[in-house]
C-alpha atoms as a PDB file:
ATOM      1  CA  MET A   1       0.195   0.115   0.158  1.00  0.00           C
ATOM      2  CA  GLU A   2       2.724   2.511   0.730  1.00  0.00           C
ATOM      3  CA  VAL A   3       4.438   1.994  -2.462  1.00  0.00           C
ATOM      4  CA  ALA A   4       0.526   2.544  -4.332  1.00  0.00           C
ATOM      5  CA  ARG A   5       0.491   6.206  -2.116  1.00  0.00           C
ATOM      6  CA  GLN A   6       3.797   7.169  -3.187  1.00  0.00           C
ATOM      7  CA  LEU A   7       3.204   6.566  -6.984  1.00  0.00           C
ATOM      8  CA  ARG A   8      -0.305   8.523  -6.524  1.00  0.00           C
ATOM      9  CA  ALA A   9       1.448  11.268  -4.877  1.00  0.00           C
ATOM     10  CA  ILE A  10       3.610  11.826  -7.771  1.00  0.00           C
ATOM     11  CA  ASP A  11       3.487  14.666 -10.438  1.00  0.00           C
ATOM     12  CA  ARG A  12       2.886  13.188 -13.680  1.00  0.00           C
ATOM     13  CA  SER A  13       3.910  15.513 -16.079  1.00  0.00           C
ATOM     14  CA  SER A  14       4.895  14.926 -19.759  1.00  0.00           C
ATOM     15  CA  SER A  15       8.033  13.933 -18.718  1.00  0.00           C
ATOM     16  CA  PHE A  16       7.340  11.716 -15.782  1.00  0.00           C
ATOM     17  CA  GLY A  17       8.320   8.086 -16.306  1.00  0.00           C
ATOM     18  CA  ASN A  18       6.877   5.770 -13.732  1.00  0.00           C
ATOM     19  CA  ALA A  19      10.026   3.087 -14.006  1.00  0.00           C
ATOM     20  CA  ARG A  20      12.264   5.666 -13.145  1.00  0.00           C
ATOM     21  CA  VAL A  21      10.413   6.113  -9.671  1.00  0.00           C
ATOM     22  CA  VAL A  22       9.739   2.188  -9.276  1.00  0.00           C
ATOM     23  CA  ARG A  23      13.338   1.661  -9.464  1.00  0.00           C
ATOM     24  CA  GLN A  24      14.514   4.200  -6.863  1.00  0.00           C
ATOM     25  CA  ILE A  25      11.890   2.788  -4.438  1.00  0.00           C
ATOM     26  CA  PHE A  26      12.976  -0.188  -5.137  1.00  0.00           C
ATOM     27  CA  GLU A  27      16.486   0.856  -4.365  1.00  0.00           C
ATOM     28  CA  LYS A  28      15.560   2.603  -1.256  1.00  0.00           C
ATOM     29  CA  ALA A  29      13.190  -0.466   0.070  1.00  0.00           C
ATOM     30  CA  VAL A  30      17.084  -2.983  -0.871  1.00  0.00           C
ATOM     31  CA  THR A  31      19.010  -0.379   1.317  1.00  0.00           C
ATOM     32  CA  ASN A  32      16.777  -0.533   4.264  1.00  0.00           C
ATOM     33  CA  GLN A  33      16.440  -4.349   3.899  1.00  0.00           C
ATOM     34  CA  ALA A  34      20.393  -4.450   4.023  1.00  0.00           C
ATOM     35  CA  ARG A  35      19.864  -1.985   7.402  1.00  0.00           C
ATOM     36  CA  ARG A  36      17.257  -4.037   9.096  1.00  0.00           C
ATOM     37  CA  ILE A  37      19.278  -7.304   8.647  1.00  0.00           C
ATOM     38  CA  ARG A  38      22.967  -6.095   9.161  1.00  0.00           C
ATOM     39  CA  ASN A  39      23.028  -7.199  12.667  1.00  0.00           C
ATOM     40  CA  VAL A  40      21.391 -10.545  12.026  1.00  0.00           C
ATOM     41  CA  SER A  41      24.289 -13.040  12.751  1.00  0.00           C
ATOM     42  CA  LEU A  42      23.349 -15.802  10.531  1.00  0.00           C
ATOM     43  CA  PRO A  43      20.275 -14.732   8.343  1.00  0.00           C
ATOM     44  CA  THR A  44      18.374 -17.354   6.184  1.00  0.00           C
ATOM     45  CA  ARG A  45      17.743 -17.295   2.427  1.00  0.00           C
ATOM     46  CA  ALA A  46      14.333 -16.564   2.925  1.00  0.00           C
ATOM     47  CA  VAL A  47      15.414 -13.174   5.425  1.00  0.00           C
ATOM     48  CA  LEU A  48      17.775 -11.982   2.329  1.00  0.00           C
ATOM     49  CA  MET A  49      14.690 -12.890  -0.081  1.00  0.00           C
ATOM     50  CA  THR A  50      12.048 -10.786   1.868  1.00  0.00           C
ATOM     51  CA  LEU A  51      11.681  -6.872   1.292  1.00  0.00           C
ATOM     52  CA  GLU A  52       8.923  -6.498   4.619  1.00  0.00           C
ATOM     53  CA  ALA A  53       6.390  -3.485   4.298  1.00  0.00           C
ATOM     54  CA  SER A  54       9.303  -1.495   6.812  1.00  0.00           C
ATOM     55  CA  ASP A  55      11.565  -1.333   4.083  1.00  0.00           C
ATOM     56  CA  ILE A  56       9.549   0.607   1.826  1.00  0.00           C
END
């Protein structure tokens, strides 16, 4: 839901590129995921592959 809210809030001028915004949201989520799991001593594969709502 957070991603949908962010996409709706964007000014959609003629030069708007949805893919760029989605990529930026994804990259920020991956960074937040890394921060979240950096102190996990032995993260499982599932933990490494899962983005949580708090990451977005």
